[in-house]
Amino acid sequence: MITTISSSDGTSRSIGRAEFVALMAATMSLGALAIDAMLPALDEIAGSFGVSEPNRRQLVVGVYLLAAGVGCLIPGSFADTFGRRRVLFVAFAAYVVTSILCAFAPTYESLLWLRGIQGFCTAGLGVLPAAIIRDRFEGDAMARIMSTIFIVFMVVPVLAPSLGQVVLAFGHWPWVFVVMAAIASLVWLWAWSRLPETLSPEDRQPLDFRTVAHNLPLTLTTREASGYVIGSALTFGALFGYINSAQQLIGEHFDADEYFPLIFGLTASTLAMSSFANSRIVERYGARRVSHTALVTFICLAAMQVYAAFFQPGDLYWFVPLMAGNLCLLGFMGANFGSIAMQPFEHTAGAASSAQGFIRMGGAALIGIAIGQNYDGTAKPIALALFGFSLCSLMLVLFSERGKLFRRPGEARKYLAMHEAI
């Protein structure tokens, strides 16, 4: 078991495994902070700019997510050429600068443009940790590391709305962006002083944008990866739909605006707990068995969401447990789907992570925006999305696994070898 991550560029810099996990989680969490800390401020932002259309306020979140998905195409190839550290630090700088600029946005349209630029330029904060981890871990060990990171990472969606609420209690919405910039600066300093370069010199690739053009279709045509990548986009798209419309859904439909941070944090906390559980069981049972079981259970809960939305409308006691259950199951799917999809790309982890991140984030963001913009004052759009997209995700996973679920990695490789021989 790797306990210390050392530098591959000849320097003496190294970091312990526990600190490495914490740093990667803090880095990935900045994206969640940029989304969830905004939620309590959406009403005030809309009011200050005179935005009267309720669903239009969601674009502060939706535009960021969509731009981040598109931006995922860029940092991986640069990181495969120049190393992980340099590209990561550019993303940190962009996060700090764009956060400050957002605080001084003069119009709503300019704020949306700045949020788009922020999402695009800081996508590396979400993409590069997966490549950095892949440099040092593989298989179920990588899935366990990713799950452990998700434990820390998911604390942010739990706490970020409350953080935004606290900031708003002492100041106006621009201060939320100032606090984001301050937190990102601290994580940037931590990474600068402690994170080693993990990309080996022999694995560096020449900078060629044709690599991106090559890896995008390669991700889609590599059967073992494509179903998991697109399936993740669909299920997380439904999650983004919930995030986009959560403030309206909980505050207006369920008439619980004053409890919004608590309810949102409660449902999100189950994702952190399941990520912890996943990190403990994934190496024993395998990423496939765990994630496949979670996906099938997710579909069953989503079917109950549809029932509740149509036959128990406005009942928070139905919605919260079911939504918490769905998010809990995502903790058994997200890291495992990601690690399975990365396995075929050992020597191009950066470019593959970018291509997969683009498909996953870009697709999920578009789905999330569509769900949010179709919010009709009820829980029906999100319930139907959860059920329909999870069913499609199961079909895609079956495609990648050639119709066989619940197998260990060794069993999967043996089956694929036999299939290719035939």
Protein backbone atom coordinates (compact mmCIF):
# COMPACT_ATOMS: atom_id res chain seq x y z
CA MET A 1 0.00 0.00 0.00
CA ILE A 2 1.32 3.44 -0.94
CA THR A 3 1.67 5.57 2.20
CA THR A 4 3.74 8.45 0.76
CA ILE A 5 3.38 10.13 -2.63
CA SER A 6 6.78 11.30 -3.86
CA SER A 7 7.70 13.65 -6.66
CA SER A 8 8.50 12.21 -10.08
CA ASP A 9 10.46 15.25 -11.30
CA GLY A 10 13.60 14.77 -9.23
CA THR A 11 12.67 17.13 -6.39
CA SER A 12 12.51 16.04 -2.75
CA ARG A 13 8.88 17.08 -2.34
CA SER A 14 6.60 14.34 -0.95
CA ILE A 15 3.28 14.12 0.86
CA GLY A 16 1.68 11.51 3.12
CA ARG A 17 -1.34 9.59 1.91
CA ALA A 18 -3.76 11.13 4.42
CA GLU A 19 -2.65 14.69 3.59
CA PHE A 20 -2.73 13.86 -0.13
CA VAL A 21 -6.36 12.72 0.16
CA ALA A 22 -7.29 15.85 2.12
CA LEU A 23 -5.58 18.15 -0.40
CA MET A 24 -7.21 16.51 -3.42
CA ALA A 25 -10.59 16.71 -1.67
CA ALA A 26 -10.10 20.39 -0.85
CA THR A 27 -9.11 21.09 -4.47
CA MET A 28 -12.17 19.32 -5.91
CA SER A 29 -14.40 20.95 -3.29
CA LEU A 30 -13.80 24.42 -4.67
CA GLY A 31 -16.10 23.60 -7.57
CA ALA A 32 -18.84 22.51 -5.19
CA LEU A 33 -18.27 25.67 -3.15
CA ALA A 34 -18.78 27.79 -6.27
CA ILE A 35 -22.14 26.11 -6.79
CA ASP A 36 -23.67 25.49 -3.39
CA ALA A 37 -22.57 28.66 -1.58
CA MET A 38 -24.56 30.57 -4.23
CA LEU A 39 -27.89 28.88 -3.54
CA PRO A 40 -29.03 31.01 -0.57
CA ALA A 41 -27.95 34.15 -2.46
CA LEU A 42 -29.96 33.56 -5.65
CA ASP A 43 -32.96 35.56 -4.46
CA GLU A 44 -30.81 38.52 -3.44
CA ILE A 45 -28.81 38.40 -6.68
CA ALA A 46 -32.02 38.35 -8.73
CA GLY A 47 -33.46 41.21 -6.69
CA SER A 48 -30.38 43.40 -6.97
CA PHE A 49 -30.34 43.06 -10.76
CA GLY A 50 -34.13 43.19 -11.25
CA VAL A 51 -34.42 39.63 -12.60
CA SER A 52 -38.15 38.88 -12.47
CA GLU A 53 -38.28 35.42 -14.11
CA PRO A 54 -37.88 32.91 -11.21
CA ASN A 55 -36.24 30.11 -13.21
CA ARG A 56 -33.72 32.54 -14.74
CA ARG A 57 -31.98 32.99 -11.39
CA GLN A 58 -30.85 29.35 -11.64
CA LEU A 59 -28.49 30.29 -14.47
CA VAL A 60 -25.94 31.59 -11.94
CA VAL A 61 -25.43 27.91 -11.13
CA GLY A 62 -26.31 26.34 -14.50
CA VAL A 63 -23.95 28.48 -16.59
CA TYR A 64 -21.06 27.69 -14.27
CA LEU A 65 -21.72 23.94 -14.51
CA LEU A 66 -22.03 24.00 -18.30
CA ALA A 67 -18.85 26.04 -18.78
CA ALA A 68 -16.98 23.76 -16.38
CA GLY A 69 -18.05 20.79 -18.47
CA VAL A 70 -16.73 22.38 -21.68
CA GLY A 71 -13.58 23.48 -19.88
CA CYS A 72 -12.81 19.88 -18.93
CA LEU A 73 -11.48 19.34 -22.48
CA ILE A 74 -8.50 21.63 -21.97
CA PRO A 75 -6.45 21.00 -18.80
CA GLY A 76 -5.78 17.27 -19.22
CA SER A 77 -3.71 17.57 -22.40
CA PHE A 78 -1.73 20.50 -20.97
CA ALA A 79 -1.14 18.51 -17.78
CA ASP A 80 0.10 15.52 -19.81
CA THR A 81 2.69 17.85 -21.37
CA PHE A 82 3.72 20.34 -18.69
CA GLY A 83 2.95 18.33 -15.57
CA ARG A 84 0.08 18.34 -13.12
CA ARG A 85 1.30 21.09 -10.78
CA ARG A 86 1.68 23.91 -13.31
CA VAL A 87 -1.74 23.47 -14.87
CA LEU A 88 -3.38 23.04 -11.47
CA PHE A 89 -1.91 26.33 -10.25
CA VAL A 90 -3.21 28.18 -13.31
CA ALA A 91 -6.69 26.91 -12.43
CA PHE A 92 -6.27 28.09 -8.82
CA ALA A 93 -5.29 31.57 -10.01
CA ALA A 94 -8.26 31.73 -12.38
CA TYR A 95 -10.63 30.76 -9.57
CA VAL A 96 -9.41 33.53 -7.29
CA VAL A 97 -9.41 36.24 -9.96
CA THR A 98 -12.82 35.39 -11.44
CA SER A 99 -14.39 35.16 -7.97
CA ILE A 100 -13.27 38.72 -7.23
CA LEU A 101 -14.50 39.92 -10.64
CA CYS A 102 -17.91 38.32 -10.02
CA ALA A 103 -18.21 40.29 -6.79
CA PHE A 104 -18.01 43.52 -8.83
CA ALA A 105 -20.23 42.48 -11.75
CA PRO A 106 -22.29 45.55 -12.84
CA THR A 107 -25.17 43.66 -14.51
CA TYR A 108 -26.78 40.24 -14.35
CA GLU A 109 -25.63 39.44 -17.89
CA SER A 110 -22.02 40.30 -17.02
CA LEU A 111 -22.28 38.11 -13.91
CA LEU A 112 -23.41 35.18 -16.07
CA TRP A 113 -20.51 35.77 -18.48
CA LEU A 114 -18.05 35.87 -15.59
CA ARG A 115 -19.53 32.71 -14.11
CA GLY A 116 -19.09 31.03 -17.49
CA ILE A 117 -15.46 32.16 -17.66
CA GLN A 118 -14.93 30.99 -14.09
CA GLY A 119 -16.34 27.54 -14.80
CA PHE A 120 -14.33 27.15 -18.00
CA CYS A 121 -10.99 28.34 -16.61
CA THR A 122 -11.21 26.44 -13.33
CA ALA A 123 -12.33 23.07 -14.73
CA GLY A 124 -8.85 21.73 -14.00
CA LEU A 125 -9.64 21.76 -10.28
CA GLY A 126 -12.14 18.98 -10.95
CA VAL A 127 -10.31 17.16 -13.76
CA LEU A 128 -6.71 17.02 -12.57
CA PRO A 129 -7.18 15.32 -9.18
CA ALA A 130 -8.45 12.20 -11.00
CA ALA A 131 -5.35 12.21 -13.24
CA ILE A 132 -3.04 12.82 -10.25
CA ILE A 133 -4.61 9.90 -8.39
CA ARG A 134 -4.41 7.69 -11.50
CA ASP A 135 -0.66 8.45 -11.66
CA ARG A 136 -0.20 6.60 -8.37
CA PHE A 137 -3.17 4.20 -8.01
CA GLU A 138 -5.27 1.90 -10.17
CA GLY A 139 -8.23 -0.47 -10.03
CA ASP A 140 -10.16 -0.89 -6.80
CA ALA A 141 -7.37 0.89 -4.90
CA MET A 142 -8.05 3.98 -7.01
CA ALA A 143 -11.79 3.59 -6.37
CA ARG A 144 -11.11 3.48 -2.62
CA ILE A 145 -8.95 6.63 -2.77
CA MET A 146 -11.61 8.41 -4.83
CA SER A 147 -14.29 7.38 -2.35
CA THR A 148 -12.21 8.60 0.58
CA ILE A 149 -11.75 11.92 -1.20
CA PHE A 150 -15.50 12.09 -1.81
CA ILE A 151 -16.07 11.82 1.94
CA VAL A 152 -14.25 15.11 2.50
CA PHE A 153 -15.45 16.57 -0.79
CA MET A 154 -19.11 16.04 0.08
CA VAL A 155 -18.79 17.96 3.33
CA VAL A 156 -18.83 21.10 1.17
CA PRO A 157 -22.37 20.70 -0.27
CA VAL A 158 -23.51 20.10 3.31
CA LEU A 159 -21.87 23.21 4.73
CA ALA A 160 -21.69 25.58 1.72
CA PRO A 161 -25.34 26.75 1.82
CA SER A 162 -24.97 27.48 5.53
CA LEU A 163 -21.73 29.34 4.79
CA GLY A 164 -23.54 31.40 2.17
CA GLN A 165 -26.34 32.07 4.64
CA VAL A 166 -23.86 33.24 7.30
CA VAL A 167 -22.14 35.56 4.83
CA LEU A 168 -25.49 37.03 3.82
CA ALA A 169 -26.31 37.65 7.48
CA PHE A 170 -23.35 40.05 7.70
CA GLY A 171 -23.15 41.41 4.16
CA HIS A 172 -24.56 41.29 0.64
CA TRP A 173 -24.12 38.64 -2.05
CA PRO A 174 -20.77 39.93 -3.45
CA TRP A 175 -19.14 38.88 -0.18
CA VAL A 176 -19.94 35.25 -1.00
CA PHE A 177 -17.54 35.53 -3.94
CA VAL A 178 -14.92 37.24 -1.78
CA VAL A 179 -15.07 34.37 0.72
CA MET A 180 -14.73 31.90 -2.17
CA ALA A 181 -11.58 33.70 -3.33
CA ALA A 182 -10.12 33.64 0.17
CA ILE A 183 -10.72 29.91 0.64
CA ALA A 184 -9.27 29.10 -2.80
CA SER A 185 -6.15 31.14 -1.97
CA LEU A 186 -5.54 29.03 1.13
CA VAL A 187 -5.90 25.74 -0.77
CA TRP A 188 -3.63 27.12 -3.54
CA LEU A 189 -0.92 27.93 -0.99
CA TRP A 190 -1.25 24.45 0.53
CA ALA A 191 -0.87 22.75 -2.87
CA TRP A 192 2.06 25.00 -3.82
CA SER A 193 4.02 24.05 -0.72
CA ARG A 194 3.13 20.35 -0.40
CA LEU A 195 1.89 18.70 -3.62
CA PRO A 196 4.59 16.80 -5.56
CA GLU A 197 4.63 16.38 -9.32
CA THR A 198 3.11 12.94 -9.99
CA LEU A 199 3.54 12.68 -13.76
CA SER A 200 6.62 10.63 -14.66
CA PRO A 201 8.91 12.19 -17.31
CA GLU A 202 8.52 9.15 -19.57
CA ASP A 203 4.74 9.55 -19.56
CA ARG A 204 4.76 13.16 -20.73
CA GLN A 205 3.06 13.67 -24.06
CA PRO A 206 3.76 16.29 -26.73
CA LEU A 207 1.22 19.11 -26.72
CA ASP A 208 -1.02 18.33 -29.62
CA PHE A 209 -4.65 19.37 -29.64
CA ARG A 210 -5.29 16.44 -31.92
CA THR A 211 -4.82 14.35 -28.76
CA VAL A 212 -7.99 15.91 -27.35
CA ALA A 213 -9.79 15.29 -30.63
CA HIS A 214 -8.51 11.70 -30.49
CA ASN A 215 -9.38 10.99 -26.86
CA LEU A 216 -12.92 12.33 -27.02
CA PRO A 217 -14.13 9.79 -29.60
CA LEU A 218 -11.83 7.19 -28.02
CA THR A 219 -13.71 7.56 -24.75
CA LEU A 220 -16.98 7.14 -26.61
CA THR A 221 -15.78 4.17 -28.69
CA THR A 222 -14.00 2.32 -25.87
CA ARG A 223 -16.86 0.09 -24.84
CA GLU A 224 -15.50 -0.63 -21.36
CA ALA A 225 -15.57 3.12 -20.56
CA SER A 226 -18.31 4.73 -22.65
CA GLY A 227 -21.32 3.32 -20.83
CA TYR A 228 -19.98 4.41 -17.46
CA VAL A 229 -19.08 7.92 -18.64
CA ILE A 230 -22.41 8.62 -20.35
CA GLY A 231 -24.31 6.84 -17.58
CA SER A 232 -22.65 9.13 -15.03
CA ALA A 233 -23.65 12.15 -17.11
CA LEU A 234 -27.29 11.07 -17.03
CA THR A 235 -27.55 10.29 -13.31
CA PHE A 236 -25.56 13.34 -12.25
CA GLY A 237 -27.58 15.45 -14.69
CA ALA A 238 -30.63 14.60 -12.61
CA LEU A 239 -28.66 15.61 -9.50
CA PHE A 240 -27.73 18.94 -11.11
CA GLY A 241 -31.40 19.45 -11.91
CA TYR A 242 -32.11 19.11 -8.19
CA ILE A 243 -29.29 21.54 -7.31
CA ASN A 244 -30.50 24.10 -9.87
CA SER A 245 -34.08 24.07 -8.64
CA ALA A 246 -33.48 23.18 -4.96
CA GLN A 247 -33.96 26.71 -3.62
CA GLN A 248 -37.31 27.09 -5.41
CA LEU A 249 -38.39 23.51 -4.81
CA ILE A 250 -37.73 23.48 -1.06
CA GLY A 251 -38.44 27.14 -0.40
CA GLU A 252 -41.57 27.59 -2.52
CA HIS A 253 -43.13 24.21 -3.34
CA PHE A 254 -42.55 22.72 0.12
CA ASP A 255 -42.79 26.14 1.83
CA ALA A 256 -39.62 25.56 3.89
CA ASP A 257 -37.41 28.48 2.84
CA GLU A 258 -36.06 29.16 6.34
CA TYR A 259 -34.97 25.52 6.62
CA PHE A 260 -33.39 25.37 3.15
CA PRO A 261 -29.72 25.11 4.25
CA LEU A 262 -30.64 22.43 6.80
CA ILE A 263 -32.72 20.34 4.37
CA PHE A 264 -30.24 20.68 1.51
CA GLY A 265 -27.36 19.85 3.84
CA LEU A 266 -29.22 16.86 5.27
CA THR A 267 -29.87 15.32 1.86
CA ALA A 268 -26.32 16.05 0.68
CA SER A 269 -24.76 14.58 3.84
CA THR A 270 -25.94 11.10 2.87
CA LEU A 271 -23.64 11.29 -0.16
CA ALA A 272 -20.67 11.84 2.15
CA MET A 273 -21.70 8.92 4.37
CA SER A 274 -22.09 6.54 1.44
CA SER A 275 -18.72 7.63 0.04
CA PHE A 276 -17.19 6.69 3.39
CA ALA A 277 -18.93 3.32 3.33
CA ASN A 278 -17.83 2.78 -0.27
CA SER A 279 -14.19 3.44 0.62
CA ARG A 280 -14.43 0.63 3.19
CA ILE A 281 -16.09 -2.00 1.03
CA VAL A 282 -15.02 -1.35 -2.57
CA GLU A 283 -11.73 -3.27 -2.44
CA ARG A 284 -13.48 -6.23 -0.83
CA TYR A 285 -16.46 -6.47 -3.16
CA GLY A 286 -15.20 -4.63 -6.24
CA ALA A 287 -16.23 -1.36 -7.88
CA ARG A 288 -18.58 -3.11 -10.30
CA ARG A 289 -20.57 -5.09 -7.75
CA VAL A 290 -20.98 -2.09 -5.47
CA SER A 291 -21.92 0.42 -8.17
CA HIS A 292 -24.24 -1.94 -10.03
CA THR A 293 -26.15 -2.75 -6.85
CA ALA A 294 -26.42 0.97 -6.09
CA LEU A 295 -27.73 1.76 -9.58
CA VAL A 296 -30.49 -0.86 -9.43
CA THR A 297 -31.53 0.37 -5.97
CA PHE A 298 -31.41 3.98 -7.24
CA ILE A 299 -33.96 3.11 -9.93
CA CYS A 300 -36.31 1.64 -7.32
CA LEU A 301 -36.12 4.76 -5.14
CA ALA A 302 -36.56 7.00 -8.19
CA ALA A 303 -39.78 5.12 -9.01
CA MET A 304 -40.98 5.96 -5.49
CA GLN A 305 -40.04 9.60 -6.16
CA VAL A 306 -42.41 9.58 -9.14
CA TYR A 307 -45.19 8.16 -6.98
CA ALA A 308 -44.61 10.77 -4.27
CA ALA A 309 -44.50 13.66 -6.76
CA PHE A 310 -47.83 12.71 -8.32
CA PHE A 311 -49.74 11.28 -5.37
CA GLN A 312 -48.14 12.93 -2.31
CA PRO A 313 -47.43 16.46 -3.66
CA GLY A 314 -46.14 18.98 -1.19
CA ASP A 315 -45.33 16.32 1.41
CA LEU A 316 -41.81 17.05 2.66
CA TYR A 317 -41.81 13.84 4.70
CA TRP A 318 -41.89 11.84 1.47
CA PHE A 319 -39.48 13.99 -0.52
CA VAL A 320 -36.60 14.39 1.94
CA PRO A 321 -36.02 10.69 2.78
CA LEU A 322 -36.30 9.65 -0.88
CA MET A 323 -34.01 12.44 -2.10
CA ALA A 324 -31.52 11.62 0.66
CA GLY A 325 -31.65 7.97 -0.42
CA ASN A 326 -30.97 8.83 -4.06
CA LEU A 327 -28.01 11.02 -3.13
CA CYS A 328 -26.73 8.31 -0.80
CA LEU A 329 -26.68 5.81 -3.65
CA LEU A 330 -24.78 8.26 -5.87
CA GLY A 331 -21.94 7.92 -3.37
CA PHE A 332 -21.67 4.25 -4.32
CA MET A 333 -21.80 5.08 -8.04
CA GLY A 334 -19.81 8.25 -8.77
CA ALA A 335 -16.26 7.30 -7.70
CA ASN A 336 -16.67 3.70 -8.85
CA PHE A 337 -18.03 4.63 -12.28
CA GLY A 338 -15.15 7.09 -12.67
CA SER A 339 -12.42 4.63 -11.69
CA ILE A 340 -13.82 1.88 -13.95
CA ALA A 341 -13.97 4.30 -16.89
CA MET A 342 -10.34 5.38 -16.36
CA GLN A 343 -8.87 1.87 -16.37
CA PRO A 344 -8.30 1.55 -20.16
CA PHE A 345 -6.26 4.81 -20.26
CA GLU A 346 -3.13 4.16 -18.19
CA HIS A 347 -0.70 6.21 -20.30
CA THR A 348 -3.03 9.08 -21.24
CA ALA A 349 -4.75 9.62 -17.91
CA GLY A 350 -4.77 13.43 -18.19
CA ALA A 351 -6.29 13.58 -21.66
CA ALA A 352 -8.71 10.76 -20.84
CA SER A 353 -9.78 12.51 -17.64
CA SER A 354 -10.41 15.68 -19.63
CA ALA A 355 -12.44 13.92 -22.29
CA GLN A 356 -14.47 12.00 -19.74
CA GLY A 357 -14.94 15.08 -17.60
CA PHE A 358 -16.22 17.00 -20.63
CA ILE A 359 -18.78 14.31 -21.45
CA ARG A 360 -19.77 13.78 -17.83
CA MET A 361 -19.89 17.41 -16.70
CA GLY A 362 -21.05 18.94 -19.97
CA GLY A 363 -23.82 16.41 -20.43
CA ALA A 364 -24.90 16.60 -16.80
CA ALA A 365 -24.92 20.41 -16.88
CA LEU A 366 -27.13 20.53 -19.99
CA ILE A 367 -29.53 18.02 -18.44
CA GLY A 368 -29.52 19.94 -15.15
CA ILE A 369 -30.28 23.25 -16.88
CA ALA A 370 -33.12 21.63 -18.86
CA ILE A 371 -34.64 20.16 -15.69
CA GLY A 372 -34.27 23.43 -13.81
CA GLN A 373 -35.77 25.55 -16.57
CA ASN A 374 -38.73 23.19 -16.72
CA TYR A 375 -39.44 23.58 -13.01
CA ASP A 376 -43.22 23.98 -12.80
CA GLY A 377 -43.71 24.58 -9.11
CA THR A 378 -43.82 20.85 -8.29
CA ALA A 379 -41.40 17.97 -7.74
CA LYS A 380 -42.59 16.17 -10.89
CA PRO A 381 -39.76 17.24 -13.26
CA ILE A 382 -36.99 16.13 -10.91
CA ALA A 383 -38.76 12.87 -10.03
CA LEU A 384 -39.31 11.91 -13.68
CA ALA A 385 -35.71 12.84 -14.49
CA LEU A 386 -34.30 10.71 -11.68
CA PHE A 387 -36.27 7.68 -12.82
CA GLY A 388 -35.86 8.05 -16.58
CA PHE A 389 -32.16 8.86 -16.62
CA SER A 390 -31.24 6.15 -14.12
CA LEU A 391 -32.98 3.58 -16.32
CA CYS A 392 -30.99 4.81 -19.30
CA SER A 393 -27.83 4.65 -17.21
CA LEU A 394 -28.49 0.99 -16.43
CA MET A 395 -28.85 0.25 -20.16
CA LEU A 396 -25.51 1.94 -20.83
CA VAL A 397 -23.72 0.04 -18.06
CA LEU A 398 -25.13 -3.21 -19.46
CA PHE A 399 -23.70 -2.18 -22.84
CA SER A 400 -20.22 -1.62 -21.36
CA GLU A 401 -20.38 -4.91 -19.45
CA ARG A 402 -21.79 -6.85 -22.41
CA GLY A 403 -24.92 -7.69 -20.46
CA LYS A 404 -23.15 -9.01 -17.35
CA LEU A 405 -23.46 -7.14 -14.04
CA PHE A 406 -21.92 -7.58 -10.57
CA ARG A 407 -18.53 -9.02 -11.68
CA ARG A 408 -15.11 -8.41 -10.12
CA PRO A 409 -12.41 -6.79 -12.34
CA GLY A 410 -10.63 -10.12 -12.92
CA GLU A 411 -13.88 -11.74 -13.95
CA ALA A 412 -14.62 -8.83 -16.31
CA ARG A 413 -11.21 -9.06 -18.00
CA LYS A 414 -11.55 -12.84 -18.38
CA TYR A 415 -14.98 -12.46 -19.93
CA LEU A 416 -13.82 -9.76 -22.34
CA ALA A 417 -10.79 -11.84 -23.38
CA MET A 418 -13.03 -14.83 -24.09
CA HIS A 419 -15.43 -12.61 -26.04
CA GLU A 420 -12.61 -11.15 -28.16
CA ALA A 421 -11.20 -14.64 -28.81
CA ILE A 422 -14.57 -15.78 -30.11
